[in-house]
Every structure is written in structure tokens, then in C-alpha cells.
Amino acid sequence: MKRPASYLVDGYTILRQSIPLAAVAALRSMVTAMDLTKRKPDLMRNGPLRLALDELIPPLYAMQNVQVERLVEVALLIATQSRPVKLGWHRDRPPESGAHSFQLPLLPGDHFHELVPGSHSRELTAAEIAARNAGGHNMPGAVTIELAVGDLLLRSPLIFHRGFNEHGIERLTLVGTYA
């Protein structure tokens, strides 16, 4: 049996069914009321959304022995059949040191994220660089993250990862960073 990912060791963890479905529905209502025609709507100005996230997310980081103080950025990943997404392999540039990222799907079937466990705490290997330069389809050690509504992905922004939606599946996912 495979052990669950450890946030501090692997650079990510998936907390299954950690967000109540009623809370997810409330978050979805808050974001769908916004102008979603923009590629990245400004969610940081949405006070009720920020308050809701501050109630939900920091206690889940604390369960991973990580203390966060404030939300420093939040965005919405949107994809549809007419708006596919394909981000190459990369590391995020944290807005400040001690940053920690999360992904919270608001729709079912969120499986558009791949990452390389443990890559947050080391340099990229020659094989990883070669795979990235070749298009990234055969990344050594990569795992696909599959999230259901109510699941939460906590990950280091420094972990080597990519996001994609090559098949036009609808996606509505909150992505944020705490510090």
C-alpha cells in the first residue's frame, strides 16, 4: 500500500473531503457572481471570499505543522472546451518566503495538475530538464493529482508542476497562496 503524501517531505498533500460541500457551494456562488470573462479575475478584493478561505484553509495547514498568517494571493483557474489550458512544467515564484499554495476545486473532475514529489527541496535533475524540454509528457516521477469537490491540495509553490486541460473539460478551481 502506498503511503499518503507528506506535505513537508513530498512538498504536497491531498486532504480528501476536508472542505464541507456546503462551503464549496458557497465559494462557487461567490466566484460565479463575478465577471468570469476575465482570464484572472481579481479575487483579492472580494472580502467575503477571503474571509471564507481564511476560515477554511489555515486550520488545514496547521494540521500539516505549517503555520500561515495571511492570504497573499488568490486566483481562479478557469477552463472550458473553448478555453483550454496547457501550462508547461515550472515552479511558481512565491510572492514571499514561507509561502504555501493550495488548490480547491469548485467543480467535479479536477485532474489537471501534475507534480514531481520532493522536487520542492532540490535542484531539477538532468532527466527532468530533458523531459521538460521535450514537451513534458514523460516526466520522471510525476504524479497526476485528481481532486474531487471537497478535496484540497496543499503544495509548496517550489514544487515542479504543470497544469493542463487539453480536452476542454470544464474547470473552476481556486488557487491561492498563504504566507
Protein backbone atom coordinates (compact mmCIF):
# COMPACT_ATOMS: atom_id res chain seq x y z
CA MET A 1 0.00 0.00 0.00
CA LYS A 2 1.36 3.41 -0.99
CA ARG A 3 1.78 5.86 1.88
CA PRO A 4 -0.11 9.17 1.66
CA ALA A 5 1.95 12.15 0.52
CA SER A 6 3.50 14.17 3.31
CA TYR A 7 3.41 17.94 2.85
CA LEU A 8 6.77 18.68 4.45
CA VAL A 9 8.63 15.71 2.88
CA ASP A 10 6.97 15.42 -0.54
CA GLY A 11 6.05 19.09 -0.98
CA TYR A 12 2.34 18.35 -1.29
CA THR A 13 -0.55 16.52 0.29
CA ILE A 14 -4.15 15.90 -0.69
CA LEU A 15 -6.70 16.33 2.07
CA ARG A 16 -9.68 14.29 0.92
CA GLN A 17 -13.15 15.61 1.74
CA SER A 18 -11.66 18.25 4.05
CA ILE A 19 -13.88 21.10 2.83
CA PRO A 20 -17.62 20.69 3.55
CA LEU A 21 -19.71 20.56 0.38
CA ALA A 22 -21.88 23.42 1.64
CA ALA A 23 -18.74 25.57 1.95
CA VAL A 24 -17.68 24.63 -1.59
CA ALA A 25 -21.15 25.57 -2.88
CA ALA A 26 -20.93 28.93 -1.11
CA LEU A 27 -17.48 29.60 -2.59
CA ARG A 28 -18.72 28.63 -6.06
CA SER A 29 -21.64 31.07 -5.70
CA MET A 30 -19.23 33.85 -4.71
CA VAL A 31 -16.99 33.37 -7.74
CA THR A 32 -19.67 32.69 -10.35
CA ALA A 33 -21.28 36.01 -9.37
CA MET A 34 -18.11 37.72 -10.61
CA ASP A 35 -17.15 38.62 -14.18
CA LEU A 36 -15.53 35.36 -15.25
CA THR A 37 -14.82 36.58 -18.77
CA LYS A 38 -11.50 37.88 -17.47
CA ARG A 39 -8.65 35.37 -17.62
CA LYS A 40 -7.72 36.06 -13.99
CA PRO A 41 -10.45 37.90 -12.08
CA ASP A 42 -9.18 39.92 -9.08
CA LEU A 43 -10.39 37.81 -6.17
CA MET A 44 -8.20 39.51 -3.55
CA ARG A 45 -10.70 42.38 -3.40
CA ASN A 46 -13.58 40.02 -2.63
CA GLY A 47 -13.90 40.36 1.16
CA PRO A 48 -16.47 37.57 1.73
CA LEU A 49 -14.41 35.14 -0.35
CA ARG A 50 -11.23 35.98 1.54
CA LEU A 51 -12.98 35.60 4.90
CA ALA A 52 -14.40 32.22 3.88
CA LEU A 53 -10.98 30.99 2.76
CA ASP A 54 -9.39 32.27 5.98
CA GLU A 55 -11.84 30.18 7.99
CA LEU A 56 -11.28 27.03 5.94
CA ILE A 57 -7.64 26.86 4.84
CA PRO A 58 -5.27 27.91 7.69
CA PRO A 59 -6.51 25.20 10.11
CA LEU A 60 -5.76 22.57 7.46
CA TYR A 61 -2.21 23.89 7.07
CA ALA A 62 -1.86 23.74 10.87
CA MET A 63 -2.71 20.02 10.71
CA GLN A 64 0.41 19.68 8.48
CA ASN A 65 2.57 21.51 11.09
CA VAL A 66 2.65 24.62 8.90
CA GLN A 67 1.58 27.99 10.27
CA VAL A 68 0.25 30.58 7.85
CA GLU A 69 -0.77 34.11 8.73
CA ARG A 70 -2.44 35.69 5.74
CA LEU A 71 -3.70 35.11 2.24
CA VAL A 72 -1.32 36.88 -0.13
CA GLU A 73 -2.86 35.90 -3.47
CA VAL A 74 -5.83 34.02 -4.82
CA ALA A 75 -6.84 33.29 -8.40
CA LEU A 76 -9.38 31.24 -10.27
CA LEU A 77 -8.33 28.63 -12.80
CA ILE A 78 -11.00 28.55 -15.47
CA ALA A 79 -11.12 26.15 -18.39
CA THR A 80 -13.81 25.20 -20.88
CA GLN A 81 -13.92 23.42 -24.20
CA SER A 82 -13.39 26.76 -25.92
CA ARG A 83 -10.76 27.88 -23.41
CA PRO A 84 -8.25 25.03 -22.94
CA VAL A 85 -5.27 25.40 -20.63
CA LYS A 86 -1.78 23.99 -21.11
CA LEU A 87 0.94 25.26 -18.80
CA GLY A 88 4.41 23.79 -19.17
CA TRP A 89 6.43 22.35 -16.33
CA HIS A 90 7.53 25.08 -13.92
CA ARG A 91 7.98 26.21 -10.35
CA ASP A 92 5.96 29.14 -9.06
CA ARG A 93 7.78 32.20 -7.89
CA PRO A 94 6.48 32.64 -4.34
CA PRO A 95 5.40 36.21 -3.57
CA GLU A 96 7.48 36.00 -0.38
CA SER A 97 9.47 33.48 1.62
CA GLY A 98 7.49 30.99 3.67
CA ALA A 99 4.70 30.84 1.07
CA HIS A 100 2.41 27.83 0.78
CA SER A 101 -0.06 27.18 -2.05
CA PHE A 102 -3.42 25.44 -2.25
CA GLN A 103 -5.87 24.28 -4.91
CA LEU A 104 -9.56 23.89 -4.18
CA PRO A 105 -11.80 22.58 -6.99
CA LEU A 106 -15.31 24.00 -7.21
CA LEU A 107 -16.42 21.54 -9.91
CA PRO A 108 -16.02 17.74 -10.07
CA GLY A 109 -13.31 16.00 -12.05
CA ASP A 110 -10.34 18.28 -11.40
CA HIS A 111 -7.38 16.24 -12.64
CA PHE A 112 -5.43 18.90 -14.50
CA HIS A 113 -2.38 19.02 -12.27
CA GLU A 114 0.83 17.00 -12.32
CA LEU A 115 3.80 17.36 -10.00
CA VAL A 116 7.08 15.73 -9.07
CA PRO A 117 7.08 14.76 -5.37
CA GLY A 118 10.06 16.02 -3.41
CA SER A 119 11.21 18.43 -6.11
CA HIS A 120 10.48 21.45 -3.89
CA SER A 121 13.63 20.89 -1.86
CA ARG A 122 16.21 20.15 -4.56
CA GLU A 123 17.53 21.23 -7.94
CA LEU A 124 15.94 19.71 -11.03
CA THR A 125 17.62 16.58 -12.33
CA ALA A 126 19.07 16.31 -15.83
CA ALA A 127 16.28 13.85 -16.70
CA GLU A 128 13.59 16.32 -15.54
CA ILE A 129 15.12 19.14 -17.56
CA ALA A 130 15.34 16.91 -20.63
CA ALA A 131 11.70 15.79 -20.22
CA ARG A 132 10.54 19.40 -19.80
CA ASN A 133 12.45 20.47 -22.91
CA ALA A 134 10.91 17.56 -24.86
CA GLY A 135 7.36 18.66 -24.04
CA GLY A 136 6.99 17.14 -20.59
CA HIS A 137 4.84 14.14 -21.40
CA ASN A 138 7.28 11.64 -19.87
CA MET A 139 8.35 13.47 -16.72
CA PRO A 140 10.25 11.07 -14.42
CA GLY A 141 8.49 10.54 -11.10
CA ALA A 142 5.49 12.73 -11.95
CA VAL A 143 2.11 12.04 -10.39
CA THR A 144 -1.27 13.24 -11.62
CA ILE A 145 -3.34 14.92 -8.94
CA GLU A 146 -7.02 14.04 -9.08
CA LEU A 147 -9.27 16.11 -6.86
CA ALA A 148 -12.97 15.78 -6.12
CA VAL A 149 -15.22 18.51 -4.83
CA GLY A 150 -14.39 18.81 -1.12
CA ASP A 151 -10.74 17.82 -1.59
CA LEU A 152 -7.90 20.26 -1.03
CA LEU A 153 -4.39 20.14 -2.47
CA LEU A 154 -1.72 21.80 -0.34
CA ARG A 155 1.59 22.20 -2.13
CA SER A 156 4.82 24.08 -2.00
CA PRO A 157 4.98 26.74 -4.70
CA LEU A 158 8.53 25.49 -5.35
CA ILE A 159 7.44 22.00 -6.39
CA PHE A 160 7.96 21.23 -10.09
CA HIS A 161 4.48 21.05 -11.61
CA ARG A 162 2.24 21.78 -14.57
CA GLY A 163 -1.43 22.39 -15.23
CA PHE A 164 -3.29 21.31 -18.34
CA ASN A 165 -6.74 20.84 -19.80
CA GLU A 166 -6.16 19.58 -23.29
CA HIS A 167 -9.60 18.01 -23.69
CA GLY A 168 -11.76 21.04 -22.96
CA ILE A 169 -13.19 19.72 -19.69
CA GLU A 170 -14.80 22.44 -17.61
CA ARG A 171 -12.67 23.58 -14.70
CA LEU A 172 -13.29 26.08 -11.91
CA THR A 173 -10.56 25.87 -9.26
CA LEU A 174 -9.48 28.32 -6.58
CA VAL A 175 -5.71 28.59 -6.32
CA GLY A 176 -4.10 30.66 -3.61
CA THR A 177 -1.02 31.33 -1.58
CA TYR A 178 -0.71 31.87 2.15
CA ALA A 179 2.37 33.17 3.94
